Amino acid sequence: RPELMENVQKVAGFFTQQLSGLKDRFPNVVKDIRGKGLLIGIQLGTPNREFMQHARDEKLLIAGGGDNCVRLLPPLTLTLDEAREAVEKLERACEAAQRKAASA
Protein backbone atom coordinates (compact mmCIF):
# COMPACT_ATOMS: atom_id res chain seq x y z
CA ARG A 1 0.00 0.00 0.00
CA PRO A 2 1.29 3.49 -0.79
CA GLU A 3 0.71 4.80 2.74
CA LEU A 4 2.76 1.93 4.19
CA MET A 5 5.67 2.75 1.88
CA GLU A 6 5.38 6.46 2.76
CA ASN A 7 5.69 5.51 6.42
CA VAL A 8 8.70 3.28 5.73
CA GLN A 9 10.46 6.09 3.86
CA LYS A 10 9.69 8.65 6.57
CA VAL A 11 10.80 6.42 9.46
CA ALA A 12 13.86 5.13 7.58
CA GLY A 13 14.94 8.71 6.87
CA PHE A 14 14.56 9.55 10.55
CA PHE A 15 16.59 6.49 11.58
CA THR A 16 19.35 7.30 9.08
CA GLN A 17 19.61 10.87 10.35
CA GLN A 18 19.58 9.90 14.01
CA LEU A 19 22.02 7.00 13.62
CA SER A 20 24.42 9.27 11.75
CA GLY A 21 24.27 11.54 14.78
CA LEU A 22 25.15 8.61 17.05
CA LYS A 23 28.04 7.77 14.74
CA ASP A 24 29.33 11.34 15.11
CA ARG A 25 28.89 11.36 18.90
CA PHE A 26 30.28 7.85 19.51
CA PRO A 27 32.92 7.29 16.80
CA ASN A 28 34.65 4.55 18.80
CA VAL A 29 31.39 2.63 19.15
CA VAL A 30 29.53 3.22 15.85
CA LYS A 31 31.80 2.85 12.81
CA ASP A 32 29.30 2.70 9.94
CA ILE A 33 25.58 2.65 9.16
CA ARG A 34 24.40 0.40 6.33
CA GLY A 35 21.18 -0.87 4.91
CA LYS A 36 18.12 0.01 2.94
CA GLY A 37 14.78 1.15 4.23
CA LEU A 38 14.17 -0.18 7.71
CA LEU A 39 16.69 -3.02 7.38
CA ILE A 40 19.59 -1.27 9.07
CA GLY A 41 23.05 -2.57 9.94
CA ILE A 42 25.37 -0.85 12.39
CA GLN A 43 29.06 -1.73 12.20
CA LEU A 44 30.63 -1.39 15.61
CA GLY A 45 34.03 -0.58 17.04
CA THR A 46 33.19 -2.56 20.18
CA PRO A 47 32.26 -6.27 20.31
CA ASN A 48 28.78 -6.73 18.90
CA ARG A 49 27.77 -9.29 21.54
CA GLU A 50 28.55 -6.78 24.30
CA PHE A 51 26.61 -4.08 22.46
CA MET A 52 23.66 -6.44 22.05
CA GLN A 53 23.68 -6.93 25.84
CA HIS A 54 23.75 -3.17 26.43
CA ALA A 55 20.74 -2.84 24.11
CA ARG A 56 18.94 -5.69 25.92
CA ASP A 57 19.60 -3.89 29.21
CA GLU A 58 17.60 -1.02 27.65
CA LYS A 59 14.82 -3.45 26.64
CA LEU A 60 15.78 -3.21 22.96
CA LEU A 61 16.20 -6.44 21.03
CA ILE A 62 18.66 -6.26 18.13
CA ALA A 63 20.16 -9.02 16.02
CA GLY A 64 23.81 -9.85 15.62
CA GLY A 65 25.47 -9.88 12.24
CA GLY A 66 28.77 -10.61 10.58
CA ASP A 67 31.63 -8.14 10.34
CA ASN A 68 31.02 -7.03 13.97
CA CYS A 69 27.59 -5.59 13.10
CA VAL A 70 24.20 -5.50 14.72
CA ARG A 71 20.98 -5.33 12.77
CA LEU A 72 17.78 -3.42 13.36
CA LEU A 73 14.82 -5.26 11.88
CA PRO A 74 11.71 -3.31 12.89
CA PRO A 75 8.27 -3.90 11.43
CA LEU A 76 7.29 -1.79 8.44
CA THR A 77 4.50 -0.31 10.55
CA LEU A 78 6.95 1.24 13.05
CA THR A 79 5.87 4.75 14.05
CA LEU A 80 8.10 7.80 14.43
CA ASP A 81 7.46 7.76 18.19
CA GLU A 82 8.60 4.14 18.38
CA ALA A 83 11.66 4.98 16.27
CA ARG A 84 12.49 7.87 18.65
CA GLU A 85 12.26 5.50 21.59
CA ALA A 86 14.56 3.00 19.84
CA VAL A 87 17.12 5.73 19.10
CA GLU A 88 17.07 6.82 22.75
CA LYS A 89 17.74 3.23 23.81
CA LEU A 90 20.51 2.89 21.24
CA GLU A 91 22.06 6.09 22.54
CA ARG A 92 22.10 4.71 26.08
CA ALA A 93 23.60 1.46 24.76
CA CYS A 94 26.33 3.50 23.01
CA GLU A 95 27.02 5.37 26.26
CA ALA A 96 27.34 2.07 28.14
CA ALA A 97 29.64 0.60 25.46
CA GLN A 98 31.80 3.72 25.54
CA ARG A 99 32.06 3.59 29.34
CA LYS A 100 33.01 -0.09 29.24
CA ALA A 101 35.67 0.53 26.58
CA ALA A 102 37.11 3.44 28.59
CA SER A 103 37.38 1.34 31.74
CA ALA A 104 39.12 -1.57 29.99
PDB file of N, CA and C in Angstrom:
ATOM      1  N   ARG A   1       0.835  -1.177   0.000  1.00  0.00           N
ATOM      2  CA  ARG A   1       0.000   0.000   0.000  1.00  0.00           C
ATOM      3  C   ARG A   1       0.885   1.247   0.000  1.00  0.00           C
ATOM      4  N   PRO A   2       0.489   2.262  -0.708  1.00  0.00           N
ATOM      5  CA  PRO A   2       1.286   3.490  -0.791  1.00  0.00           C
ATOM      6  C   PRO A   2       1.535   4.145   0.565  1.00  0.00           C
ATOM      7  N   GLU A   3       0.509   4.146   1.435  1.00  0.00           N
ATOM      8  CA  GLU A   3       0.706   4.796   2.735  1.00  0.00           C
ATOM      9  C   GLU A   3       1.705   4.030   3.608  1.00  0.00           C
ATOM     10  N   LEU A   4       1.769   2.718   3.460  1.00  0.00           N
ATOM     11  CA  LEU A   4       2.764   1.933   4.195  1.00  0.00           C
ATOM     12  C   LEU A   4       4.170   2.295   3.724  1.00  0.00           C
ATOM     13  N   MET A   5       4.352   2.397   2.413  1.00  0.00           N
ATOM     14  CA  MET A   5       5.669   2.748   1.883  1.00  0.00           C
ATOM     15  C   MET A   5       6.061   4.176   2.248  1.00  0.00           C
ATOM     16  N   GLU A   6       5.094   5.084   2.307  1.00  0.00           N
ATOM     17  CA  GLU A   6       5.381   6.455   2.764  1.00  0.00           C
ATOM     18  C   GLU A   6       5.898   6.434   4.193  1.00  0.00           C
ATOM     19  N   ASN A   7       5.258   5.626   5.038  1.00  0.00           N
ATOM     20  CA  ASN A   7       5.691   5.509   6.423  1.00  0.00           C
ATOM     21  C   ASN A   7       7.105   4.934   6.501  1.00  0.00           C
ATOM     22  N   VAL A   8       7.371   3.897   5.733  1.00  0.00           N
ATOM     23  CA  VAL A   8       8.700   3.282   5.730  1.00  0.00           C
ATOM     24  C   VAL A   8       9.754   4.316   5.344  1.00  0.00           C
ATOM     25  N   GLN A   9       9.492   5.082   4.305  1.00  0.00           N
ATOM     26  CA  GLN A   9      10.464   6.089   3.858  1.00  0.00           C
ATOM     27  C   GLN A   9      10.671   7.171   4.917  1.00  0.00           C
ATOM     28  N   LYS A  10       9.595   7.606   5.550  1.00  0.00           N
ATOM     29  CA  LYS A  10       9.691   8.647   6.569  1.00  0.00           C
ATOM     30  C   LYS A  10      10.482   8.142   7.778  1.00  0.00           C
ATOM     31  N   VAL A  11      10.146   6.960   8.275  1.00  0.00           N
ATOM     32  CA  VAL A  11      10.805   6.418   9.463  1.00  0.00           C
ATOM     33  C   VAL A  11      12.249   6.037   9.141  1.00  0.00           C
ATOM     34  N   ALA A  12      12.491   5.485   7.969  1.00  0.00           N
ATOM     35  CA  ALA A  12      13.862   5.125   7.581  1.00  0.00           C
ATOM     36  C   ALA A  12      14.734   6.375   7.483  1.00  0.00           C
ATOM     37  N   GLY A  13      14.192   7.458   6.939  1.00  0.00           N
ATOM     38  CA  GLY A  13      14.942   8.712   6.869  1.00  0.00           C
ATOM     39  C   GLY A  13      15.282   9.230   8.247  1.00  0.00           C
ATOM     40  N   PHE A  14      14.329   9.135   9.162  1.00  0.00           N
ATOM     41  CA  PHE A  14      14.562   9.552  10.548  1.00  0.00           C
ATOM     42  C   PHE A  14      15.669   8.705  11.173  1.00  0.00           C
ATOM     43  N   PHE A  15      15.573   7.388  11.022  1.00  0.00           N
ATOM     44  CA  PHE A  15      16.592   6.491  11.579  1.00  0.00           C
ATOM     45  C   PHE A  15      17.976   6.826  11.014  1.00  0.00           C
ATOM     46  N   THR A  16      18.056   7.009   9.712  1.00  0.00           N
ATOM     47  CA  THR A  16      19.348   7.305   9.081  1.00  0.00           C
ATOM     48  C   THR A  16      19.952   8.574   9.666  1.00  0.00           C
ATOM     49  N   GLN A  17      19.139   9.603   9.792  1.00  0.00           N
ATOM     50  CA  GLN A  17      19.611  10.868  10.347  1.00  0.00           C
ATOM     51  C   GLN A  17      20.072  10.700  11.791  1.00  0.00           C
ATOM     52  N   GLN A  18      19.270  10.055  12.596  1.00  0.00           N
ATOM     53  CA  GLN A  18      19.583   9.899  14.013  1.00  0.00           C
ATOM     54  C   GLN A  18      20.789   8.980  14.237  1.00  0.00           C
ATOM     55  N   LEU A  19      20.882   7.909  13.469  1.00  0.00           N
ATOM     56  CA  LEU A  19      22.016   6.996  13.616  1.00  0.00           C
ATOM     57  C   LEU A  19      23.312   7.652  13.155  1.00  0.00           C
ATOM     58  N   SER A  20      23.229   8.510  12.165  1.00  0.00           N
ATOM     59  CA  SER A  20      24.417   9.271  11.751  1.00  0.00           C
ATOM     60  C   SER A  20      24.880  10.174  12.892  1.00  0.00           C
ATOM     61  N   GLY A  21      23.932  10.736  13.622  1.00  0.00           N
ATOM     62  CA  GLY A  21      24.268  11.542  14.784  1.00  0.00           C
ATOM     63  C   GLY A  21      24.959  10.720  15.863  1.00  0.00           C
ATOM     64  N   LEU A  22      24.489   9.482  16.076  1.00  0.00           N
ATOM     65  CA  LEU A  22      25.148   8.610  17.050  1.00  0.00           C
ATOM     66  C   LEU A  22      26.559   8.256  16.589  1.00  0.00           C
ATOM     67  N   LYS A  23      26.707   8.060  15.296  1.00  0.00           N
ATOM     68  CA  LYS A  23      28.041   7.765  14.745  1.00  0.00           C
ATOM     69  C   LYS A  23      28.985   8.932  15.010  1.00  0.00           C
ATOM     70  N   ASP A  24      28.508  10.151  14.849  1.00  0.00           N
ATOM     71  CA  ASP A  24      29.332  11.339  15.107  1.00  0.00           C
ATOM     72  C   ASP A  24      29.660  11.488  16.593  1.00  0.00           C
ATOM     73  N   ARG A  25      28.686  11.192  17.447  1.00  0.00           N
ATOM     74  CA  ARG A  25      28.887  11.355  18.898  1.00  0.00           C
ATOM     75  C   ARG A  25      29.691  10.226  19.526  1.00  0.00           C
ATOM     76  N   PHE A  26      29.609   9.030  18.952  1.00  0.00           N
ATOM     77  CA  PHE A  26      30.281   7.855  19.514  1.00  0.00           C
ATOM     78  C   PHE A  26      31.129   7.165  18.442  1.00  0.00           C
ATOM     79  N   PRO A  27      32.149   7.858  17.919  1.00  0.00           N
ATOM     80  CA  PRO A  27      32.919   7.295  16.799  1.00  0.00           C
ATOM     81  C   PRO A  27      33.694   6.020  17.145  1.00  0.00           C
ATOM     82  N   ASN A  28      33.964   5.784  18.414  1.00  0.00           N
ATOM     83  CA  ASN A  28      34.655   4.548  18.796  1.00  0.00           C
ATOM     84  C   ASN A  28      33.691   3.379  18.951  1.00  0.00           C
ATOM     85  N   VAL A  29      32.411   3.674  19.009  1.00  0.00           N
ATOM     86  CA  VAL A  29      31.391   2.629  19.151  1.00  0.00           C
ATOM     87  C   VAL A  29      30.739   2.342  17.804  1.00  0.00           C
ATOM     88  N   VAL A  30      30.232   3.376  17.127  1.00  0.00           N
ATOM     89  CA  VAL A  30      29.531   3.215  15.851  1.00  0.00           C
ATOM     90  C   VAL A  30      30.485   3.596  14.716  1.00  0.00           C
ATOM     91  N   LYS A  31      30.852   2.613  13.905  1.00  0.00           N
ATOM     92  CA  LYS A  31      31.804   2.846  12.815  1.00  0.00           C
ATOM     93  C   LYS A  31      31.113   3.151  11.485  1.00  0.00           C
ATOM     94  N   ASP A  32      29.969   2.507  11.227  1.00  0.00           N
ATOM     95  CA  ASP A  32      29.303   2.700   9.938  1.00  0.00           C
ATOM     96  C   ASP A  32      27.835   2.318  10.067  1.00  0.00           C
ATOM     97  N   ILE A  33      27.010   2.956   9.249  1.00  0.00           N
ATOM     98  CA  ILE A  33      25.582   2.651   9.159  1.00  0.00           C
ATOM     99  C   ILE A  33      25.328   2.146   7.740  1.00  0.00           C
ATOM    100  N   ARG A  34      24.678   1.007   7.636  1.00  0.00           N
ATOM    101  CA  ARG A  34      24.396   0.403   6.330  1.00  0.00           C
ATOM    102  C   ARG A  34      22.929   0.013   6.250  1.00  0.00           C
ATOM    103  N   GLY A  35      22.508  -0.319   5.058  1.00  0.00           N
ATOM    104  CA  GLY A  35      21.179  -0.872   4.914  1.00  0.00           C
ATOM    105  C   GLY A  35      20.321  -0.137   3.913  1.00  0.00           C
ATOM    106  N   LYS A  36      19.089  -0.578   3.849  1.00  0.00           N
ATOM    107  CA  LYS A  36      18.115   0.007   2.936  1.00  0.00           C
ATOM    108  C   LYS A  36      16.756  -0.038   3.610  1.00  0.00           C
ATOM    109  N   GLY A  37      16.076   1.091   3.568  1.00  0.00           N
ATOM    110  CA  GLY A  37      14.776   1.148   4.228  1.00  0.00           C
ATOM    111  C   GLY A  37      14.929   0.945   5.722  1.00  0.00           C
ATOM    112  N   LEU A  38      14.111   0.083   6.279  1.00  0.00           N
ATOM    113  CA  LEU A  38      14.166  -0.181   7.706  1.00  0.00           C
ATOM    114  C   LEU A  38      15.051  -1.376   8.068  1.00  0.00           C
ATOM    115  N   LEU A  39      15.706  -1.969   7.098  1.00  0.00           N
ATOM    116  CA  LEU A  39      16.687  -3.021   7.381  1.00  0.00           C
ATOM    117  C   LEU A  39      18.030  -2.326   7.534  1.00  0.00           C
ATOM    118  N   ILE A  40      18.441  -2.120   8.779  1.00  0.00           N
ATOM    119  CA  ILE A  40      19.586  -1.275   9.075  1.00  0.00           C
ATOM    120  C   ILE A  40      20.664  -2.088   9.773  1.00  0.00           C
ATOM    121  N   GLY A  41      21.902  -1.950   9.300  1.00  0.00           N
ATOM    122  CA  GLY A  41      23.050  -2.572   9.944  1.00  0.00           C
ATOM    123  C   GLY A  41      23.942  -1.498  10.533  1.00  0.00           C
ATOM    124  N   ILE A  42      24.464  -1.771  11.718  1.00  0.00           N
ATOM    125  CA  ILE A  42      25.372  -0.847  12.388  1.00  0.00           C
ATOM    126  C   ILE A  42      26.683  -1.587  12.626  1.00  0.00           C
ATOM    127  N   GLN A  43      27.745  -1.142  11.963  1.00  0.00           N
ATOM    128  CA  GLN A  43      29.056  -1.734  12.198  1.00  0.00           C
ATOM    129  C   GLN A  43      29.652  -1.062  13.428  1.00  0.00           C
ATOM    130  N   LEU A  44      30.187  -1.879  14.319  1.00  0.00           N
ATOM    131  CA  LEU A  44      30.632  -1.394  15.613  1.00  0.00           C
ATOM    132  C   LEU A  44      32.143  -1.419  15.769  1.00  0.00           C
ATOM    133  N   GLY A  45      32.630  -0.572  16.651  1.00  0.00           N
ATOM    134  CA  GLY A  45      34.026  -0.575  17.039  1.00  0.00           C
ATOM    135  C   GLY A  45      34.236  -1.319  18.344  1.00  0.00           C
ATOM    136  N   THR A  46      33.145  -1.746  18.965  1.00  0.00           N
ATOM    137  CA  THR A  46      33.188  -2.559  20.175  1.00  0.00           C
ATOM    138  C   THR A  46      32.573  -3.914  19.834  1.00  0.00           C
ATOM    139  N   PRO A  47      32.822  -4.940  20.626  1.00  0.00           N
ATOM    140  CA  PRO A  47      32.262  -6.266  20.307  1.00  0.00           C
ATOM    141  C   PRO A  47      30.734  -6.241  20.206  1.00  0.00           C
ATOM    142  N   ASN A  48      30.224  -6.806  19.128  1.00  0.00           N
ATOM    143  CA  ASN A  48      28.779  -6.728  18.900  1.00  0.00           C
ATOM    144  C   ASN A  48      27.977  -7.482  19.955  1.00  0.00           C
ATOM    145  N   ARG A  49      28.505  -8.556  20.501  1.00  0.00           N
ATOM    146  CA  ARG A  49      27.773  -9.292  21.544  1.00  0.00           C
ATOM    147  C   ARG A  49      27.609  -8.430  22.798  1.00  0.00           C
ATOM    148  N   GLU A  50      28.650  -7.688  23.147  1.00  0.00           N
ATOM    149  CA  GLU A  50      28.548  -6.782  24.296  1.00  0.00           C
ATOM    150  C   GLU A  50      27.529  -5.679  24.021  1.00  0.00           C
ATOM    151  N   PHE A  51      27.560  -5.138  22.806  1.00  0.00           N
ATOM    152  CA  PHE A  51      26.610  -4.082  22.463  1.00  0.00           C
ATOM    153  C   PHE A  51      25.180  -4.614  22.492  1.00  0.00           C
ATOM    154  N   MET A  52      24.994  -5.833  22.021  1.00  0.00           N
ATOM    155  CA  MET A  52      23.660  -6.437  22.052  1.00  0.00           C
ATOM    156  C   MET A  52      23.158  -6.538  23.495  1.00  0.00           C
ATOM    157  N   GLN A  53      24.061  -6.850  24.427  1.00  0.00           N
ATOM    158  CA  GLN A  53      23.676  -6.927  25.841  1.00  0.00           C
ATOM    159  C   GLN A  53      23.310  -5.543  26.380  1.00  0.00           C
ATOM    160  N   HIS A  54      24.087  -4.537  26.005  1.00  0.00           N
ATOM    161  CA  HIS A  54      23.746  -3.169  26.432  1.00  0.00           C
ATOM    162  C   HIS A  54      22.353  -2.787  25.920  1.00  0.00           C
ATOM    163  N   ALA A  55      22.058  -3.144  24.677  1.00  0.00           N
ATOM    164  CA  ALA A  55      20.737  -2.843  24.111  1.00  0.00           C
ATOM    165  C   ALA A  55      19.652  -3.624  24.862  1.00  0.00           C
ATOM    166  N   ARG A  56      19.919  -4.894  25.162  1.00  0.00           N
ATOM    167  CA  ARG A  56      18.936  -5.687  25.922  1.00  0.00           C
ATOM    168  C   ARG A  56      18.692  -5.075  27.300  1.00  0.00           C
ATOM    169  N   ASP A  57      19.755  -4.553  27.911  1.00  0.00           N
ATOM    170  CA  ASP A  57      19.597  -3.885  29.208  1.00  0.00           C
ATOM    171  C   ASP A  57      18.632  -2.707  29.107  1.00  0.00           C
ATOM    172  N   GLU A  58      18.525  -2.128  27.917  1.00  0.00           N
ATOM    173  CA  GLU A  58      17.603  -1.018  27.653  1.00  0.00           C
ATOM    174  C   GLU A  58      16.254  -1.505  27.125  1.00  0.00           C
ATOM    175  N   LYS A  59      16.061  -2.822  27.138  1.00  0.00           N
ATOM    176  CA  LYS A  59      14.816  -3.446  26.640  1.00  0.00           C
ATOM    177  C   LYS A  59      14.647  -3.261  25.135  1.00  0.00           C
ATOM    178  N   LEU A  60      15.789  -3.309  24.420  1.00  0.00           N
ATOM    179  CA  LEU A  60      15.777  -3.212  22.961  1.00  0.00           C
ATOM    180  C   LEU A  60      16.431  -4.466  22.400  1.00  0.00           C
ATOM    181  N   LEU A  61      15.696  -5.213  21.613  1.00  0.00           N
ATOM    182  CA  LEU A  61      16.201  -6.443  21.025  1.00  0.00           C
ATOM    183  C   LEU A  61      16.743  -6.151  19.632  1.00  0.00           C
ATOM    184  N   ILE A  62      18.037  -6.428  19.438  1.00  0.00           N
ATOM    185  CA  ILE A  62      18.660  -6.257  18.134  1.00  0.00           C
ATOM    186  C   ILE A  62      19.357  -7.561  17.779  1.00  0.00           C
ATOM    187  N   ALA A  63      19.559  -7.778  16.498  1.00  0.00           N
ATOM    188  CA  ALA A  63      20.164  -9.022  16.020  1.00  0.00           C
ATOM    189  C   ALA A  63      21.648  -8.814  15.757  1.00  0.00           C
ATOM    190  N   GLY A  64      22.397  -9.881  15.951  1.00  0.00           N
ATOM    191  CA  GLY A  64      23.813  -9.847  15.621  1.00  0.00           C
ATOM    192  C   GLY A  64      24.003 -10.069  14.132  1.00  0.00           C
ATOM    193  N   GLY A  65      25.160  -9.681  13.652  1.00  0.00           N
ATOM    194  CA  GLY A  65      25.475  -9.879  12.243  1.00  0.00           C
ATOM    195  C   GLY A  65      26.965 -10.072  12.060  1.00  0.00           C
ATOM    196  N   GLY A  66      27.357 -10.441  10.881  1.00  0.00           N
ATOM    197  CA  GLY A  66      28.768 -10.606  10.578  1.00  0.00           C
ATOM    198  C   GLY A  66      29.486  -9.278  10.537  1.00  0.00           C
ATOM    199  N   ASP A  67      30.787  -9.333  10.449  1.00  0.00           N
ATOM    200  CA  ASP A  67      31.633  -8.141  10.344  1.00  0.00           C
ATOM    201  C   ASP A  67      31.416  -7.192  11.525  1.00  0.00           C
ATOM    202  N   ASN A  68      31.212  -7.790  12.732  1.00  0.00           N
ATOM    203  CA  ASN A  68      31.018  -7.029  13.967  1.00  0.00           C
ATOM    204  C   ASN A  68      29.887  -6.000  13.839  1.00  0.00           C
ATOM    205  N   CYS A  69      28.771  -6.448  13.297  1.00  0.00           N
ATOM    206  CA  CYS A  69      27.592  -5.592  13.105  1.00  0.00           C
ATOM    207  C   CYS A  69      26.446  -6.058  13.978  1.00  0.00           C
ATOM    208  N   VAL A  70      25.510  -5.155  14.186  1.00  0.00           N
ATOM    209  CA  VAL A  70      24.197  -5.504  14.722  1.00  0.00           C
ATOM    210  C   VAL A  70      23.171  -5.028  13.701  1.00  0.00           C
ATOM    211  N   ARG A  71      22.011  -5.667  13.737  1.00  0.00           N
ATOM    212  CA  ARG A  71      20.978  -5.331  12.769  1.00  0.00           C
ATOM    213  C   ARG A  71      19.705  -4.891  13.471  1.00  0.00           C
ATOM    214  N   LEU A  72      19.097  -3.862  12.924  1.00  0.00           N
ATOM    215  CA  LEU A  72      17.779  -3.421  13.364  1.00  0.00           C
ATOM    216  C   LEU A  72      16.791  -3.934  12.329  1.00  0.00           C
ATOM    217  N   LEU A  73      15.797  -4.659  12.783  1.00  0.00           N
ATOM    218  CA  LEU A  73      14.819  -5.262  11.878  1.00  0.00           C
ATOM    219  C   LEU A  73      13.400  -4.948  12.350  1.00  0.00           C
ATOM    220  N   PRO A  74      13.037  -3.668  12.374  1.00  0.00           N
ATOM    221  CA  PRO A  74      11.707  -3.310  12.888  1.00  0.00           C
ATOM    222  C   PRO A  74      10.612  -3.638  11.876  1.00  0.00           C
ATOM    223  N   PRO A  75       9.376  -3.685  12.361  1.00  0.00           N
ATOM    224  CA  PRO A  75       8.265  -3.903  11.434  1.00  0.00           C
ATOM    225  C   PRO A  75       8.081  -2.673  10.540  1.00  0.00           C
ATOM    226  N   LEU A  76       7.520  -2.889   9.376  1.00  0.00           N
ATOM    227  CA  LEU A  76       7.291  -1.793   8.435  1.00  0.00           C
ATOM    228  C   LEU A  76       6.264  -0.800   8.966  1.00  0.00           C
ATOM    229  N   THR A  77       5.514  -1.181   9.974  1.00  0.00           N
ATOM    230  CA  THR A  77       4.496  -0.307  10.553  1.00  0.00           C
ATOM    231  C   THR A  77       5.034   0.513  11.729  1.00  0.00           C
ATOM    232  N   LEU A  78       6.337   0.487  11.960  1.00  0.00           N
ATOM    233  CA  LEU A  78       6.954   1.244  13.048  1.00  0.00           C
ATOM    234  C   LEU A  78       6.586   2.722  12.932  1.00  0.00           C
ATOM    235  N   THR A  79       6.223   3.328  14.053  1.00  0.00           N
ATOM    236  CA  THR A  79       5.868   4.746  14.046  1.00  0.00           C
ATOM    237  C   THR A  79       7.100   5.597  14.360  1.00  0.00           C
ATOM    238  N   LEU A  80       6.997   6.894  14.093  1.00  0.00           N
ATOM    239  CA  LEU A  80       8.097   7.804  14.435  1.00  0.00           C
ATOM    240  C   LEU A  80       8.338   7.831  15.937  1.00  0.00           C
ATOM    241  N   ASP A  81       7.288   7.771  16.730  1.00  0.00           N
ATOM    242  CA  ASP A  81       7.455   7.757  18.191  1.00  0.00           C
ATOM    243  C   ASP A  81       8.217   6.507  18.632  1.00  0.00           C
ATOM    244  N   GLU A  82       7.884   5.378  18.050  1.00  0.00           N
ATOM    245  CA  GLU A  82       8.599   4.137  18.383  1.00  0.00           C
ATOM    246  C   GLU A  82      10.052   4.208  17.922  1.00  0.00           C
ATOM    247  N   ALA A  83      10.286   4.815  16.767  1.00  0.00           N
ATOM    248  CA  ALA A  83      11.657   4.980  16.272  1.00  0.00           C
ATOM    249  C   ALA A  83      12.452   5.886  17.202  1.00  0.00           C
ATOM    250  N   ARG A  84      11.822   6.963  17.684  1.00  0.00           N
ATOM    251  CA  ARG A  84      12.491   7.868  18.645  1.00  0.00           C
ATOM    252  C   ARG A  84      12.887   7.114  19.904  1.00  0.00           C
ATOM    253  N   GLU A  85      11.988   6.293  20.385  1.00  0.00           N
ATOM    254  CA  GLU A  85      12.263   5.502  21.587  1.00  0.00           C
ATOM    255  C   GLU A  85      13.434   4.541  21.337  1.00  0.00           C
ATOM    256  N   ALA A  86      13.456   3.915  20.178  1.00  0.00           N
ATOM    257  CA  ALA A  86      14.559   3.002  19.840  1.00  0.00           C
ATOM    258  C   ALA A  86      15.889   3.746  19.771  1.00  0.00           C
ATOM    259  N   VAL A  87      15.889   4.937  19.196  1.00  0.00           N
ATOM    260  CA  VAL A  87      17.121   5.727  19.102  1.00  0.00           C
ATOM    261  C   VAL A  87      17.608   6.117  20.497  1.00  0.00           C
ATOM    262  N   GLU A  88      16.692   6.487  21.377  1.00  0.00           N
ATOM    263  CA  GLU A  88      17.074   6.822  22.747  1.00  0.00           C
ATOM    264  C   GLU A  88      17.722   5.628  23.441  1.00  0.00           C
ATOM    265  N   LYS A  89      17.169   4.443  23.219  1.00  0.00           N
ATOM    266  CA  LYS A  89      17.739   3.232  23.812  1.00  0.00           C
ATOM    267  C   LYS A  89      19.093   2.908  23.190  1.00  0.00           C
ATOM    268  N   LEU A  90      19.217   3.103  21.895  1.00  0.00           N
ATOM    269  CA  LEU A  90      20.507   2.888  21.243  1.00  0.00           C
ATOM    270  C   LEU A  90      21.556   3.872  21.758  1.00  0.00           C
ATOM    271  N   GLU A  91      21.137   5.100  22.004  1.00  0.00           N
ATOM    272  CA  GLU A  91      22.056   6.094  22.541  1.00  0.00           C
ATOM    273  C   GLU A  91      22.573   5.664  23.914  1.00  0.00           C
ATOM    274  N   ARG A  92      21.676   5.169  24.761  1.00  0.00           N
ATOM    275  CA  ARG A  92      22.102   4.708  26.081  1.00  0.00           C
ATOM    276  C   ARG A  92      22.998   3.477  25.966  1.00  0.00           C
ATOM    277  N   ALA A  93      22.738   2.616  24.986  1.00  0.00           N
ATOM    278  CA  ALA A  93      23.604   1.458  24.759  1.00  0.00           C
ATOM    279  C   ALA A  93      24.990   1.919  24.300  1.00  0.00           C
ATOM    280  N   CYS A  94      25.041   2.940  23.457  1.00  0.00           N
ATOM    281  CA  CYS A  94      26.329   3.502  23.014  1.00  0.00           C
ATOM    282  C   CYS A  94      27.087   4.091  24.205  1.00  0.00           C
ATOM    283  N   GLU A  95      26.379   4.794  25.072  1.00  0.00           N
ATOM    284  CA  GLU A  95      27.016   5.367  26.260  1.00  0.00           C
ATOM    285  C   GLU A  95      27.614   4.262  27.131  1.00  0.00           C
ATOM    286  N   ALA A  96      26.854   3.177  27.326  1.00  0.00           N
ATOM    287  CA  ALA A  96      27.339   2.069  28.142  1.00  0.00           C
ATOM    288  C   ALA A  96      28.548   1.394  27.496  1.00  0.00           C
ATOM    289  N   ALA A  97      28.514   1.207  26.170  1.00  0.00           N
ATOM    290  CA  ALA A  97      29.640   0.603  25.459  1.00  0.00           C
ATOM    291  C   ALA A  97      30.874   1.488  25.551  1.00  0.00           C
ATOM    292  N   GLN A  98      30.675   2.783  25.447  1.00  0.00           N
ATOM    293  CA  GLN A  98      31.797   3.718  25.535  1.00  0.00           C
ATOM    294  C   GLN A  98      32.411   3.700  26.939  1.00  0.00           C
ATOM    295  N   ARG A  99      31.557   3.665  27.967  1.00  0.00           N
ATOM    296  CA  ARG A  99      32.059   3.586  29.345  1.00  0.00           C
ATOM    297  C   ARG A  99      32.859   2.309  29.565  1.00  0.00           C
ATOM    298  N   LYS A 100      32.333   1.199  29.065  1.00  0.00           N
ATOM    299  CA  LYS A 100      33.005  -0.093  29.243  1.00  0.00           C
ATOM    300  C   LYS A 100      34.365  -0.083  28.536  1.00  0.00           C
ATOM    301  N   ALA A 101      34.411   0.472  27.321  1.00  0.00           N
ATOM    302  CA  ALA A 101      35.673   0.528  26.578  1.00  0.00           C
ATOM    303  C   ALA A 101      36.689   1.414  27.292  1.00  0.00           C
ATOM    304  N   ALA A 102      36.209   2.509  27.896  1.00  0.00           N
ATOM    305  CA  ALA A 102      37.111   3.438  28.588  1.00  0.00           C
ATOM    306  C   ALA A 102      37.682   2.824  29.858  1.00  0.00           C
ATOM    307  N   SER A 103      36.907   1.935  30.493  1.00  0.00           N
ATOM    308  CA  SER A 103      37.375   1.338  31.741  1.00  0.00           C
ATOM    309  C   SER A 103      38.249   0.104  31.512  1.00  0.00           C
ATOM    310  N   ALA A 104      38.316  -0.367  30.281  1.00  0.00           N
ATOM    311  CA  ALA A 104      39.119  -1.567  29.988  1.00  0.00           C
ATOM    312  C   ALA A 104      40.593  -1.261  29.832  1.00  0.00           C
TER     313      ALA A 104
END
